[in-house]
Amino acid sequence: MLIRAEMAKIVLAGHEIDAVVINKKDSNVHFGNCEVYVPSQHAILAKVIISAEMQHVTGE
């Protein structure tokens, strides 16, 4: 999941949207998620960009 989150950050940077990846994975049990945060004024656009990118990559 960290790789996908970092890829999302790179894609958003290409659209001039600042993003931060937060790794919420518990290092003891290796369970958890990574989250990508963007400024609230860019949240909807970031979601659209990432959704479009995922559709392009997966072919869905």
Protein backbone atom coordinates (compact mmCIF):
# COMPACT_ATOMS: atom_id res chain seq x y z
CA MET A 1 0.00 0.00 0.00
CA LEU A 2 2.88 2.39 0.64
CA ILE A 3 3.95 2.14 -3.00
CA ARG A 4 0.44 3.03 -4.23
CA ALA A 5 0.26 5.95 -1.83
CA GLU A 6 3.63 7.25 -2.99
CA MET A 7 2.56 6.84 -6.63
CA ALA A 8 -0.59 8.85 -5.89
CA LYS A 9 1.57 11.57 -4.34
CA ILE A 10 3.73 11.70 -7.48
CA VAL A 11 0.68 11.87 -9.77
CA LEU A 12 -0.79 14.69 -7.69
CA ALA A 13 2.53 16.55 -7.72
CA GLY A 14 2.35 16.41 -11.51
CA HIS A 15 -0.92 18.35 -11.20
CA GLU A 16 0.65 20.80 -8.75
CA ILE A 17 -1.26 19.43 -5.76
CA ASP A 18 0.77 19.02 -2.58
CA ALA A 19 0.22 15.66 -0.90
CA VAL A 20 1.51 13.95 2.22
CA VAL A 21 1.62 10.19 2.77
CA ILE A 22 0.88 8.99 6.29
CA ASN A 23 1.93 5.40 7.02
CA LYS A 24 -0.51 4.02 9.60
CA LYS A 25 0.91 0.51 9.40
CA ASP A 26 1.67 -1.02 12.79
CA SER A 27 5.31 -2.10 12.60
CA ASN A 28 4.79 -4.82 15.22
CA VAL A 29 2.04 -6.72 13.44
CA HIS A 30 2.57 -5.40 9.89
CA PHE A 31 -1.10 -4.47 9.60
CA GLY A 32 -2.64 -1.15 8.61
CA ASN A 33 -2.99 1.37 5.82
CA CYS A 34 -1.27 4.31 4.25
CA GLU A 35 -3.26 7.47 3.67
CA VAL A 36 -2.71 10.35 1.28
CA TYR A 37 -3.63 13.81 2.52
CA VAL A 38 -4.08 16.94 0.40
CA PRO A 39 -5.18 20.47 1.27
CA SER A 40 -8.97 20.56 1.65
CA GLN A 41 -9.40 22.96 -1.27
CA HIS A 42 -7.86 20.31 -3.56
CA ALA A 43 -9.54 17.22 -2.09
CA ILE A 44 -12.24 16.74 -4.73
CA LEU A 45 -9.89 17.39 -7.64
CA ALA A 46 -7.29 15.04 -6.14
CA LYS A 47 -9.88 12.29 -5.81
CA VAL A 48 -10.94 12.73 -9.45
CA ILE A 49 -7.32 12.69 -10.65
CA ILE A 50 -6.43 9.55 -8.67
CA SER A 51 -9.62 7.77 -9.75
CA ALA A 52 -8.92 8.57 -13.40
CA GLU A 53 -5.32 7.42 -13.04
CA MET A 54 -6.38 4.12 -11.43
CA GLN A 55 -8.88 3.50 -14.25
CA HIS A 56 -6.15 4.20 -16.78
CA VAL A 57 -3.70 1.83 -15.07
CA THR A 58 -6.17 -1.00 -14.44
CA GLY A 59 -8.04 -0.57 -17.73
CA GLU A 60 -11.41 -0.41 -16.01
